[in-house]
């Protein structure tokens, strides 16, 4: 399974995506009916009234383009320069720039004025599209489901398709790392991690996948479960043996038992070896993922121990 991350690879242009045609275009009074009114009969259209001299426009414009591109064809964006289209701006009652309108079925149905954060742009698009999921998000969900069901090969094919569209998509990068871990390609996974840009490596989802790789590498050198159990029978406070037992259990696919041993270690001596038990447990939670039932219950039990 090959995974070669190329952070320098260009992402698709904001104005194009496969067979969806131009997603972002410059509009005018003359093209408004075709670009906005008629086009919004097929898919929602966002109209951005802007001006070259407008500072907030320089922030909002790229953010809108990014959001429309990530929506993967669910919406389109038409940019209108108010200096060159003053009559149209007056007809739309544009009193300041940037002013943004959302059209659906030929009519304006939503809008806002001024630069807003990306989260509000996403909410705006969600309202226009009725909460429909972009194709990339649907693909990621399908890939994650395949990985969770024990089909890393099938999952990797879908993750690769997402990466072909966006080479540094955090969800797809994290997914590919997890696929490599699941198939035992730890060397290739570590090489891929080494190529990650710092900003991408710091992403929470990617960092959690790297934690899964860390644990898999540690588990590869784990010893025999029975050996560590015998050491603990002889000395229940042999914390290193308990930590090693947890890793051996995890390596054997017994994640729940591994969590139990780490919680017991923390209960007995939470500060041992510079908080090693808690750190390993958090890494295990990251590896399992936030949605895993063992993560949810384990975190609650950890909090109960730490704050009791």
C-alpha atoms as a PDB file:
ATOM      1  CA  UNK A   1       0.000   0.000   0.000  1.00  0.00           C
ATOM      2  CA  UNK A   2       1.703   3.159  -1.178  1.00  0.00           C
ATOM      3  CA  UNK A   3       1.141   6.499   0.500  1.00  0.00           C
ATOM      4  CA  UNK A   4       3.326   9.316  -0.770  1.00  0.00           C
ATOM      5  CA  UNK A   5       2.324  12.677   0.636  1.00  0.00           C
ATOM      6  CA  UNK A   6       3.330  15.628  -1.505  1.00  0.00           C
ATOM      7  CA  UNK A   7       2.455  18.804   0.433  1.00  0.00           C
ATOM      8  CA  UNK A   8       3.573  20.913  -2.532  1.00  0.00           C
ATOM      9  CA  UNK A   9       1.076  19.303  -4.904  1.00  0.00           C
ATOM     10  CA  UNK A  10      -1.485  21.841  -6.107  1.00  0.00           C
ATOM     11  CA  UNK A  11      -5.081  21.496  -5.020  1.00  0.00           C
ATOM     12  CA  UNK A  12      -7.736  21.810  -7.709  1.00  0.00           C
ATOM     13  CA  UNK A  13      -8.402  25.362  -8.780  1.00  0.00           C
ATOM     14  CA  UNK A  14     -11.143  27.119  -6.908  1.00  0.00           C
ATOM     15  CA  UNK A  15     -13.153  27.567 -10.060  1.00  0.00           C
ATOM     16  CA  UNK A  16     -13.171  23.982 -11.246  1.00  0.00           C
ATOM     17  CA  UNK A  17     -14.063  20.564  -9.985  1.00  0.00           C
ATOM     18  CA  UNK A  18     -14.466  17.648 -12.359  1.00  0.00           C
ATOM     19  CA  UNK A  19     -17.732  17.807 -14.243  1.00  0.00           C
ATOM     20  CA  UNK A  20     -19.266  20.524 -12.068  1.00  0.00           C
ATOM     21  CA  UNK A  21     -17.990  23.377 -14.253  1.00  0.00           C
ATOM     22  CA  UNK A  22     -16.908  26.690 -12.808  1.00  0.00           C
ATOM     23  CA  UNK A  23     -17.630  26.912  -9.090  1.00  0.00           C
ATOM     24  CA  UNK A  24     -16.214  30.420  -8.664  1.00  0.00           C
ATOM     25  CA  UNK A  25     -16.546  33.089 -11.304  1.00  0.00           C
ATOM     26  CA  UNK A  26     -16.528  36.842 -11.795  1.00  0.00           C
ATOM     27  CA  UNK A  27     -20.014  38.122 -12.543  1.00  0.00           C
ATOM     28  CA  UNK A  28     -21.520  41.343 -13.859  1.00  0.00           C
ATOM     29  CA  UNK A  29     -24.827  43.054 -14.465  1.00  0.00           C
ATOM     30  CA  UNK A  30     -24.942  41.549 -17.949  1.00  0.00           C
ATOM     31  CA  UNK A  31     -24.388  37.958 -16.751  1.00  0.00           C
ATOM     32  CA  UNK A  32     -26.334  38.126 -13.484  1.00  0.00           C
ATOM     33  CA  UNK A  33     -29.466  36.436 -14.793  1.00  0.00           C
ATOM     34  CA  UNK A  34     -27.549  33.482 -16.250  1.00  0.00           C
ATOM     35  CA  UNK A  35     -24.908  33.188 -13.522  1.00  0.00           C
ATOM     36  CA  UNK A  36     -27.214  33.646 -10.540  1.00  0.00           C
ATOM     37  CA  UNK A  37     -30.949  33.555 -11.261  1.00  0.00           C
ATOM     38  CA  UNK A  38     -30.933  30.680 -13.744  1.00  0.00           C
ATOM     39  CA  UNK A  39     -28.008  28.819 -12.170  1.00  0.00           C
ATOM     40  CA  UNK A  40     -29.665  28.853  -8.734  1.00  0.00           C
ATOM     41  CA  UNK A  41     -32.521  26.793 -10.173  1.00  0.00           C
ATOM     42  CA  UNK A  42     -30.049  23.890 -10.269  1.00  0.00           C
ATOM     43  CA  UNK A  43     -27.901  24.580  -7.178  1.00  0.00           C
ATOM     44  CA  UNK A  44     -27.647  27.407  -4.620  1.00  0.00           C
ATOM     45  CA  UNK A  45     -25.510  30.363  -5.697  1.00  0.00           C
ATOM     46  CA  UNK A  46     -23.633  32.671  -3.364  1.00  0.00           C
ATOM     47  CA  UNK A  47     -23.160  36.237  -4.598  1.00  0.00           C
ATOM     48  CA  UNK A  48     -20.289  38.207  -3.092  1.00  0.00           C
ATOM     49  CA  UNK A  49     -20.460  41.975  -3.632  1.00  0.00           C
ATOM     50  CA  UNK A  50     -16.952  43.297  -3.103  1.00  0.00           C
ATOM     51  CA  UNK A  51     -14.599  46.143  -4.041  1.00  0.00           C
ATOM     52  CA  UNK A  52     -10.843  46.281  -4.697  1.00  0.00           C
ATOM     53  CA  UNK A  53     -10.345  48.958  -2.025  1.00  0.00           C
ATOM     54  CA  UNK A  54     -12.244  47.009   0.674  1.00  0.00           C
ATOM     55  CA  UNK A  55      -9.989  45.532   3.358  1.00  0.00           C
ATOM     56  CA  UNK A  56     -12.509  43.008   4.812  1.00  0.00           C
ATOM     57  CA  UNK A  57     -13.258  41.836   1.248  1.00  0.00           C
ATOM     58  CA  UNK A  58      -9.675  40.624   0.949  1.00  0.00           C
ATOM     59  CA  UNK A  59     -10.273  38.368   3.953  1.00  0.00           C
ATOM     60  CA  UNK A  60     -13.782  37.190   3.177  1.00  0.00           C
ATOM     61  CA  UNK A  61     -13.264  36.520  -0.529  1.00  0.00           C
ATOM     62  CA  UNK A  62     -10.639  33.772  -0.174  1.00  0.00           C
ATOM     63  CA  UNK A  63     -12.561  32.244   2.747  1.00  0.00           C
ATOM     64  CA  UNK A  64     -15.718  32.049   0.620  1.00  0.00           C
ATOM     65  CA  UNK A  65     -13.801  30.499  -2.276  1.00  0.00           C
ATOM     66  CA  UNK A  66     -12.265  27.902   0.041  1.00  0.00           C
ATOM     67  CA  UNK A  67     -15.646  26.996   1.534  1.00  0.00           C
ATOM     68  CA  UNK A  68     -17.291  26.713  -1.886  1.00  0.00           C
ATOM     69  CA  UNK A  69     -14.442  24.517  -3.142  1.00  0.00           C
ATOM     70  CA  UNK A  70     -14.740  22.238  -0.109  1.00  0.00           C
ATOM     71  CA  UNK A  71     -18.496  21.972  -0.693  1.00  0.00           C
ATOM     72  CA  UNK A  72     -17.583  20.113  -3.889  1.00  0.00           C
ATOM     73  CA  UNK A  73     -20.309  21.391  -6.192  1.00  0.00           C
ATOM     74  CA  UNK A  74     -23.154  21.803  -3.708  1.00  0.00           C
ATOM     75  CA  UNK A  75     -22.968  25.584  -4.142  1.00  0.00           C
ATOM     76  CA  UNK A  76     -21.415  28.084  -6.541  1.00  0.00           C
ATOM     77  CA  UNK A  77     -19.934  31.521  -5.998  1.00  0.00           C
ATOM     78  CA  UNK A  78     -20.320  34.616  -8.167  1.00  0.00           C
ATOM     79  CA  UNK A  79     -18.180  37.635  -7.314  1.00  0.00           C
ATOM     80  CA  UNK A  80     -19.500  41.087  -8.242  1.00  0.00           C
ATOM     81  CA  UNK A  81     -17.226  44.148  -8.233  1.00  0.00           C
ATOM     82  CA  UNK A  82     -19.510  46.956  -7.025  1.00  0.00           C
ATOM     83  CA  UNK A  83     -17.333  49.658  -8.610  1.00  0.00           C
ATOM     84  CA  UNK A  84     -17.949  48.137 -12.030  1.00  0.00           C
ATOM     85  CA  UNK A  85     -21.585  47.166 -11.410  1.00  0.00           C
ATOM     86  CA  UNK A  86     -23.079  50.040  -9.428  1.00  0.00           C
ATOM     87  CA  UNK A  87     -26.607  49.692 -10.863  1.00  0.00           C
ATOM     88  CA  UNK A  88     -26.781  46.019  -9.879  1.00  0.00           C
ATOM     89  CA  UNK A  89     -25.471  46.824  -6.377  1.00  0.00           C
ATOM     90  CA  UNK A  90     -28.174  49.477  -6.032  1.00  0.00           C
ATOM     91  CA  UNK A  91     -30.885  47.065  -7.179  1.00  0.00           C
ATOM     92  CA  UNK A  92     -29.735  44.566  -4.540  1.00  0.00           C
ATOM     93  CA  UNK A  93     -29.703  47.341  -1.923  1.00  0.00           C
ATOM     94  CA  UNK A  94     -26.009  46.818  -1.193  1.00  0.00           C
ATOM     95  CA  UNK A  95     -25.095  49.520   1.309  1.00  0.00           C
ATOM     96  CA  UNK A  96     -21.660  48.263   2.331  1.00  0.00           C
ATOM     97  CA  UNK A  97     -19.093  45.728   1.227  1.00  0.00           C
ATOM     98  CA  UNK A  98     -18.606  42.932   1.534  1.00  0.00           C
ATOM     99  CA  UNK A  99     -22.266  41.962   1.228  1.00  0.00           C
ATOM    100  CA  UNK A 100     -23.168  38.356   0.554  1.00  0.00           C
ATOM    101  CA  UNK A 101     -26.453  36.904  -0.703  1.00  0.00           C
ATOM    102  CA  UNK A 102     -27.534  33.306  -1.058  1.00  0.00           C
ATOM    103  CA  UNK A 103     -29.837  32.517  -3.975  1.00  0.00           C
ATOM    104  CA  UNK A 104     -31.977  29.418  -4.341  1.00  0.00           C
ATOM    105  CA  UNK A 105     -34.612  28.751  -6.995  1.00  0.00           C
ATOM    106  CA  UNK A 106     -33.988  32.171  -8.499  1.00  0.00           C
ATOM    107  CA  UNK A 107     -34.583  34.147  -5.303  1.00  0.00           C
ATOM    108  CA  UNK A 108     -32.377  35.545  -2.510  1.00  0.00           C
ATOM    109  CA  UNK A 109     -33.075  33.489   0.615  1.00  0.00           C
ATOM    110  CA  UNK A 110     -30.237  34.379   2.996  1.00  0.00           C
ATOM    111  CA  UNK A 111     -27.312  36.729   3.376  1.00  0.00           C
ATOM    112  CA  UNK A 112     -24.906  38.625   5.596  1.00  0.00           C
ATOM    113  CA  UNK A 113     -22.687  41.700   5.535  1.00  0.00           C
ATOM    114  CA  UNK A 114     -19.067  42.124   6.572  1.00  0.00           C
ATOM    115  CA  UNK A 115     -16.261  39.634   7.061  1.00  0.00           C
ATOM    116  CA  UNK A 116     -17.275  36.651   9.186  1.00  0.00           C
ATOM    117  CA  UNK A 117     -15.305  33.646  10.474  1.00  0.00           C
ATOM    118  CA  UNK A 118     -15.130  30.387   8.536  1.00  0.00           C
ATOM    119  CA  UNK A 119     -17.522  28.705  10.963  1.00  0.00           C
ATOM    120  CA  UNK A 120     -20.257  31.193  10.062  1.00  0.00           C
ATOM    121  CA  UNK A 121     -19.547  30.750   6.355  1.00  0.00           C
ATOM    122  CA  UNK A 122     -19.974  26.998   6.792  1.00  0.00           C
ATOM    123  CA  UNK A 123     -23.257  27.521   8.649  1.00  0.00           C
ATOM    124  CA  UNK A 124     -24.418  29.841   5.860  1.00  0.00           C
ATOM    125  CA  UNK A 125     -23.661  27.184   3.242  1.00  0.00           C
ATOM    126  CA  UNK A 126     -25.313  24.496   5.366  1.00  0.00           C
ATOM    127  CA  UNK A 127     -28.512  26.552   5.448  1.00  0.00           C
ATOM    128  CA  UNK A 128     -28.427  27.069   1.688  1.00  0.00           C
ATOM    129  CA  UNK A 129     -27.877  23.384   0.972  1.00  0.00           C
ATOM    130  CA  UNK A 130     -30.224  22.027   3.625  1.00  0.00           C
ATOM    131  CA  UNK A 131     -27.289  20.447   5.459  1.00  0.00           C
ATOM    132  CA  UNK A 132     -26.291  18.240   2.531  1.00  0.00           C
ATOM    133  CA  UNK A 133     -22.844  16.746   2.945  1.00  0.00           C
ATOM    134  CA  UNK A 134     -20.119  17.580   0.415  1.00  0.00           C
ATOM    135  CA  UNK A 135     -18.953  14.620  -1.690  1.00  0.00           C
ATOM    136  CA  UNK A 136     -15.570  14.653   0.045  1.00  0.00           C
ATOM    137  CA  UNK A 137     -17.187  14.302   3.465  1.00  0.00           C
ATOM    138  CA  UNK A 138     -19.379  11.450   2.230  1.00  0.00           C
ATOM    139  CA  UNK A 139     -16.307   9.730   0.815  1.00  0.00           C
ATOM    140  CA  UNK A 140     -14.448  10.135   4.113  1.00  0.00           C
ATOM    141  CA  UNK A 141     -17.360   8.647   6.050  1.00  0.00           C
ATOM    142  CA  UNK A 142     -17.433   5.677   3.689  1.00  0.00           C
ATOM    143  CA  UNK A 143     -13.682   5.171   4.052  1.00  0.00           C
ATOM    144  CA  UNK A 144     -13.804   5.408   7.838  1.00  0.00           C
ATOM    145  CA  UNK A 145     -16.644   2.893   7.939  1.00  0.00           C
ATOM    146  CA  UNK A 146     -14.623   0.505   5.778  1.00  0.00           C
ATOM    147  CA  UNK A 147     -11.607   0.879   8.058  1.00  0.00           C
ATOM    148  CA  UNK A 148     -13.718   0.319  11.194  1.00  0.00           C
ATOM    149  CA  UNK A 149     -15.238  -2.810   9.643  1.00  0.00           C
ATOM    150  CA  UNK A 150     -11.803  -4.323   9.010  1.00  0.00           C
ATOM    151  CA  UNK A 151     -11.240  -3.409   5.366  1.00  0.00           C
ATOM    152  CA  UNK A 152      -8.152  -1.150   5.364  1.00  0.00           C
ATOM    153  CA  UNK A 153      -7.406  -1.940   1.717  1.00  0.00           C
ATOM    154  CA  UNK A 154     -10.821  -0.728   0.603  1.00  0.00           C
ATOM    155  CA  UNK A 155     -10.627   2.274   2.917  1.00  0.00           C
ATOM    156  CA  UNK A 156      -7.227   3.275   1.574  1.00  0.00           C
ATOM    157  CA  UNK A 157      -8.572   3.396  -1.976  1.00  0.00           C
ATOM    158  CA  UNK A 158     -11.208   5.932  -0.969  1.00  0.00           C
ATOM    159  CA  UNK A 159      -8.786   7.955   1.158  1.00  0.00           C
ATOM    160  CA  UNK A 160      -6.447   8.040  -1.855  1.00  0.00           C
ATOM    161  CA  UNK A 161      -9.251   9.468  -4.000  1.00  0.00           C
ATOM    162  CA  UNK A 162      -9.774  12.251  -1.471  1.00  0.00           C
ATOM    163  CA  UNK A 163      -6.041  12.970  -1.392  1.00  0.00           C
ATOM    164  CA  UNK A 164      -6.028  13.177  -5.186  1.00  0.00           C
ATOM    165  CA  UNK A 165      -8.488  16.048  -4.828  1.00  0.00           C
ATOM    166  CA  UNK A 166      -6.833  17.631  -1.779  1.00  0.00           C
ATOM    167  CA  UNK A 167      -3.301  16.276  -1.056  1.00  0.00           C
ATOM    168  CA  UNK A 168      -3.231  17.680   2.477  1.00  0.00           C
ATOM    169  CA  UNK A 169      -6.780  16.944   3.640  1.00  0.00           C
ATOM    170  CA  UNK A 170      -6.312  16.149   7.374  1.00  0.00           C
ATOM    171  CA  UNK A 171      -9.047  13.518   7.502  1.00  0.00           C
ATOM    172  CA  UNK A 172      -7.690  11.638   4.500  1.00  0.00           C
ATOM    173  CA  UNK A 173      -4.073  11.901   5.680  1.00  0.00           C
ATOM    174  CA  UNK A 174      -5.065  10.563   9.105  1.00  0.00           C
ATOM    175  CA  UNK A 175      -7.083   7.811   7.463  1.00  0.00           C
ATOM    176  CA  UNK A 176      -4.188   6.686   5.294  1.00  0.00           C
ATOM    177  CA  UNK A 177      -1.880   6.531   8.305  1.00  0.00           C
ATOM    178  CA  UNK A 178      -4.427   4.393  10.155  1.00  0.00           C
ATOM    179  CA  UNK A 179      -4.784   2.120   7.112  1.00  0.00           C
ATOM    180  CA  UNK A 180      -1.023   1.578   7.036  1.00  0.00           C
ATOM    181  CA  UNK A 181      -1.053   0.790  10.754  1.00  0.00           C
ATOM    182  CA  UNK A 182      -3.942  -1.649  10.281  1.00  0.00           C
ATOM    183  CA  UNK A 183      -2.079  -3.529   7.543  1.00  0.00           C
ATOM    184  CA  UNK A 184       1.189  -3.580   9.509  1.00  0.00           C
ATOM    185  CA  UNK A 185       3.038  -1.231   7.133  1.00  0.00           C
ATOM    186  CA  UNK A 186       4.540   0.631  10.076  1.00  0.00           C
ATOM    187  CA  UNK A 187       7.762   1.613   8.317  1.00  0.00           C
ATOM    188  CA  UNK A 188       5.884   3.225   5.436  1.00  0.00           C
ATOM    189  CA  UNK A 189       3.526   4.926   7.903  1.00  0.00           C
ATOM    190  CA  UNK A 190       6.462   6.392   9.825  1.00  0.00           C
ATOM    191  CA  UNK A 191       8.017   7.646   6.606  1.00  0.00           C
ATOM    192  CA  UNK A 192       4.727   9.284   5.650  1.00  0.00           C
ATOM    193  CA  UNK A 193       4.522  10.961   9.056  1.00  0.00           C
ATOM    194  CA  UNK A 194       8.052  12.254   8.582  1.00  0.00           C
ATOM    195  CA  UNK A 195       6.963  14.041   5.400  1.00  0.00           C
ATOM    196  CA  UNK A 196       4.066  15.865   7.049  1.00  0.00           C
ATOM    197  CA  UNK A 197       4.258  19.667   7.216  1.00  0.00           C
ATOM    198  CA  UNK A 198       4.279  20.928  10.801  1.00  0.00           C
ATOM    199  CA  UNK A 199       0.824  22.515  10.488  1.00  0.00           C
ATOM    200  CA  UNK A 200      -0.711  19.281   9.206  1.00  0.00           C
ATOM    201  CA  UNK A 201       1.034  17.154  11.827  1.00  0.00           C
ATOM    202  CA  UNK A 202      -0.457  19.403  14.526  1.00  0.00           C
ATOM    203  CA  UNK A 203      -4.010  18.731  13.341  1.00  0.00           C
ATOM    204  CA  UNK A 204      -5.906  16.827  16.047  1.00  0.00           C
ATOM    205  CA  UNK A 205      -7.118  14.051  13.742  1.00  0.00           C
ATOM    206  CA  UNK A 206      -3.666  13.536  12.242  1.00  0.00           C
ATOM    207  CA  UNK A 207      -2.018  13.630  15.676  1.00  0.00           C
ATOM    208  CA  UNK A 208      -4.419  10.928  16.870  1.00  0.00           C
ATOM    209  CA  UNK A 209      -3.472   8.740  13.900  1.00  0.00           C
ATOM    210  CA  UNK A 210       0.204   9.258  14.734  1.00  0.00           C
ATOM    211  CA  UNK A 211      -0.581   8.131  18.282  1.00  0.00           C
ATOM    212  CA  UNK A 212      -2.023   4.936  16.825  1.00  0.00           C
ATOM    213  CA  UNK A 213       1.235   4.450  14.942  1.00  0.00           C
ATOM    214  CA  UNK A 214       3.286   5.109  18.095  1.00  0.00           C
ATOM    215  CA  UNK A 215       1.335   2.491  19.996  1.00  0.00           C
ATOM    216  CA  UNK A 216       1.597  -0.027  17.174  1.00  0.00           C
ATOM    217  CA  UNK A 217       5.380   0.406  17.120  1.00  0.00           C
ATOM    218  CA  UNK A 218       5.572  -0.006  20.891  1.00  0.00           C
ATOM    219  CA  UNK A 219       3.270  -3.005  20.785  1.00  0.00           C
ATOM    220  CA  UNK A 220       5.528  -4.628  18.233  1.00  0.00           C
ATOM    221  CA  UNK A 221       8.148  -5.009  20.920  1.00  0.00           C
ATOM    222  CA  UNK A 222       5.755  -5.988  23.675  1.00  0.00           C
ATOM    223  CA  UNK A 223       6.567  -9.068  25.654  1.00  0.00           C
ATOM    224  CA  UNK A 224       4.479 -12.034  26.763  1.00  0.00           C
ATOM    225  CA  UNK A 225       1.260 -11.298  28.665  1.00  0.00           C
ATOM    226  CA  UNK A 226       1.709 -14.226  31.052  1.00  0.00           C
ATOM    227  CA  UNK A 227       5.232 -13.099  31.952  1.00  0.00           C
ATOM    228  CA  UNK A 228       4.018  -9.682  33.094  1.00  0.00           C
ATOM    229  CA  UNK A 229       1.054 -11.188  34.952  1.00  0.00           C
ATOM    230  CA  UNK A 230       3.394 -13.424  36.929  1.00  0.00           C
ATOM    231  CA  UNK A 231       5.554 -10.413  37.830  1.00  0.00           C
ATOM    232  CA  UNK A 232       2.468  -8.576  39.076  1.00  0.00           C
ATOM    233  CA  UNK A 233       1.338 -11.557  41.107  1.00  0.00           C
ATOM    234  CA  UNK A 234       4.709 -11.473  42.834  1.00  0.00           C
ATOM    235  CA  UNK A 235       4.706  -7.683  43.233  1.00  0.00           C
ATOM    236  CA  UNK A 236       1.436  -5.798  42.555  1.00  0.00           C
ATOM    237  CA  UNK A 237       3.275  -2.471  42.697  1.00  0.00           C
ATOM    238  CA  UNK A 238       5.676  -3.350  39.891  1.00  0.00           C
ATOM    239  CA  UNK A 239       4.442  -0.418  37.801  1.00  0.00           C
ATOM    240  CA  UNK A 240       6.742  -1.102  34.872  1.00  0.00           C
ATOM    241  CA  UNK A 241       5.370  -4.622  34.616  1.00  0.00           C
ATOM    242  CA  UNK A 242       1.825  -3.271  34.638  1.00  0.00           C
ATOM    243  CA  UNK A 243       2.653  -0.742  31.919  1.00  0.00           C
ATOM    244  CA  UNK A 244       4.299  -3.479  29.847  1.00  0.00           C
ATOM    245  CA  UNK A 245       1.316  -5.751  30.449  1.00  0.00           C
ATOM    246  CA  UNK A 246      -1.008  -3.052  29.121  1.00  0.00           C
ATOM    247  CA  UNK A 247       1.028  -2.748  25.946  1.00  0.00           C
ATOM    248  CA  UNK A 248       1.170  -6.525  25.511  1.00  0.00           C
ATOM    249  CA  UNK A 249      -2.606  -6.704  25.916  1.00  0.00           C
ATOM    250  CA  UNK A 250      -3.089  -3.898  23.398  1.00  0.00           C
ATOM    251  CA  UNK A 251      -0.770  -5.688  20.965  1.00  0.00           C
ATOM    252  CA  UNK A 252      -2.956  -8.770  21.341  1.00  0.00           C
ATOM    253  CA  UNK A 253      -6.108  -6.849  20.455  1.00  0.00           C
ATOM    254  CA  UNK A 254      -7.319  -6.561  24.058  1.00  0.00           C
ATOM    255  CA  UNK A 255      -7.743  -2.786  24.234  1.00  0.00           C
ATOM    256  CA  UNK A 256     -10.292  -2.890  27.051  1.00  0.00           C
ATOM    257  CA  UNK A 257      -8.012  -4.997  29.244  1.00  0.00           C
ATOM    258  CA  UNK A 258      -5.115  -2.670  28.430  1.00  0.00           C
ATOM    259  CA  UNK A 259      -7.184   0.312  29.597  1.00  0.00           C
ATOM    260  CA  UNK A 260      -8.021  -1.500  32.844  1.00  0.00           C
ATOM    261  CA  UNK A 261      -4.335  -2.066  33.620  1.00  0.00           C
ATOM    262  CA  UNK A 262      -3.397   1.534  32.863  1.00  0.00           C
ATOM    263  CA  UNK A 263      -6.225   2.835  35.050  1.00  0.00           C
ATOM    264  CA  UNK A 264      -5.038   0.547  37.839  1.00  0.00           C
ATOM    265  CA  UNK A 265      -1.483   1.855  37.416  1.00  0.00           C
ATOM    266  CA  UNK A 266      -2.718   5.450  37.704  1.00  0.00           C
ATOM    267  CA  UNK A 267      -4.878   4.545  40.697  1.00  0.00           C
ATOM    268  CA  UNK A 268      -1.852   3.074  42.484  1.00  0.00           C
ATOM    269  CA  UNK A 269       0.665   5.823  41.608  1.00  0.00           C
ATOM    270  CA  UNK A 270      -0.476   8.518  39.205  1.00  0.00           C
ATOM    271  CA  UNK A 271       2.873  10.341  39.267  1.00  0.00           C
ATOM    272  CA  UNK A 272       5.042   7.277  38.570  1.00  0.00           C
ATOM    273  CA  UNK A 273       7.721   7.742  35.913  1.00  0.00           C
ATOM    274  CA  UNK A 274       6.647  11.296  35.086  1.00  0.00           C
ATOM    275  CA  UNK A 275       2.979  10.443  34.671  1.00  0.00           C
ATOM    276  CA  UNK A 276       3.752   7.572  32.272  1.00  0.00           C
ATOM    277  CA  UNK A 277       0.510   5.710  32.910  1.00  0.00           C
ATOM    278  CA  UNK A 278      -1.738   8.646  32.147  1.00  0.00           C
ATOM    279  CA  UNK A 279       0.275   9.630  29.077  1.00  0.00           C
ATOM    280  CA  UNK A 280       0.076   6.113  27.678  1.00  0.00           C
ATOM    281  CA  UNK A 281      -3.631   5.929  28.394  1.00  0.00           C
ATOM    282  CA  UNK A 282      -4.309   9.228  26.605  1.00  0.00           C
ATOM    283  CA  UNK A 283      -2.310   7.970  23.634  1.00  0.00           C
ATOM    284  CA  UNK A 284      -4.417   4.815  23.602  1.00  0.00           C
ATOM    285  CA  UNK A 285      -7.604   6.916  23.631  1.00  0.00           C
ATOM    286  CA  UNK A 286      -6.232   8.913  20.690  1.00  0.00           C
ATOM    287  CA  UNK A 287      -5.465   5.704  18.843  1.00  0.00           C
ATOM    288  CA  UNK A 288      -8.969   4.344  19.375  1.00  0.00           C
ATOM    289  CA  UNK A 289     -10.546   7.648  18.363  1.00  0.00           C
ATOM    290  CA  UNK A 290     -12.948   9.958  20.247  1.00  0.00           C
ATOM    291  CA  UNK A 291     -16.071   8.116  19.062  1.00  0.00           C
ATOM    292  CA  UNK A 292     -14.987   4.704  20.355  1.00  0.00           C
ATOM    293  CA  UNK A 293     -17.090   3.533  23.344  1.00  0.00           C
ATOM    294  CA  UNK A 294     -13.969   2.533  25.272  1.00  0.00           C
ATOM    295  CA  UNK A 295     -12.600   6.065  24.885  1.00  0.00           C
ATOM    296  CA  UNK A 296     -15.724   7.677  26.313  1.00  0.00           C
ATOM    297  CA  UNK A 297     -16.000   5.378  29.324  1.00  0.00           C
ATOM    298  CA  UNK A 298     -12.235   5.323  29.864  1.00  0.00           C
ATOM    299  CA  UNK A 299     -11.972   9.109  29.927  1.00  0.00           C
ATOM    300  CA  UNK A 300     -14.763   9.334  32.498  1.00  0.00           C
ATOM    301  CA  UNK A 301     -13.059   6.785  34.712  1.00  0.00           C
ATOM    302  CA  UNK A 302      -9.707   8.532  34.325  1.00  0.00           C
ATOM    303  CA  UNK A 303     -11.251  11.839  35.395  1.00  0.00           C
ATOM    304  CA  UNK A 304     -12.822  10.142  38.392  1.00  0.00           C
ATOM    305  CA  UNK A 305      -9.421   8.836  39.500  1.00  0.00           C
ATOM    306  CA  UNK A 306      -7.543  12.090  38.888  1.00  0.00           C
ATOM    307  CA  UNK A 307     -10.066  14.307  40.636  1.00  0.00           C
ATOM    308  CA  UNK A 308     -11.079  12.030  43.475  1.00  0.00           C
END
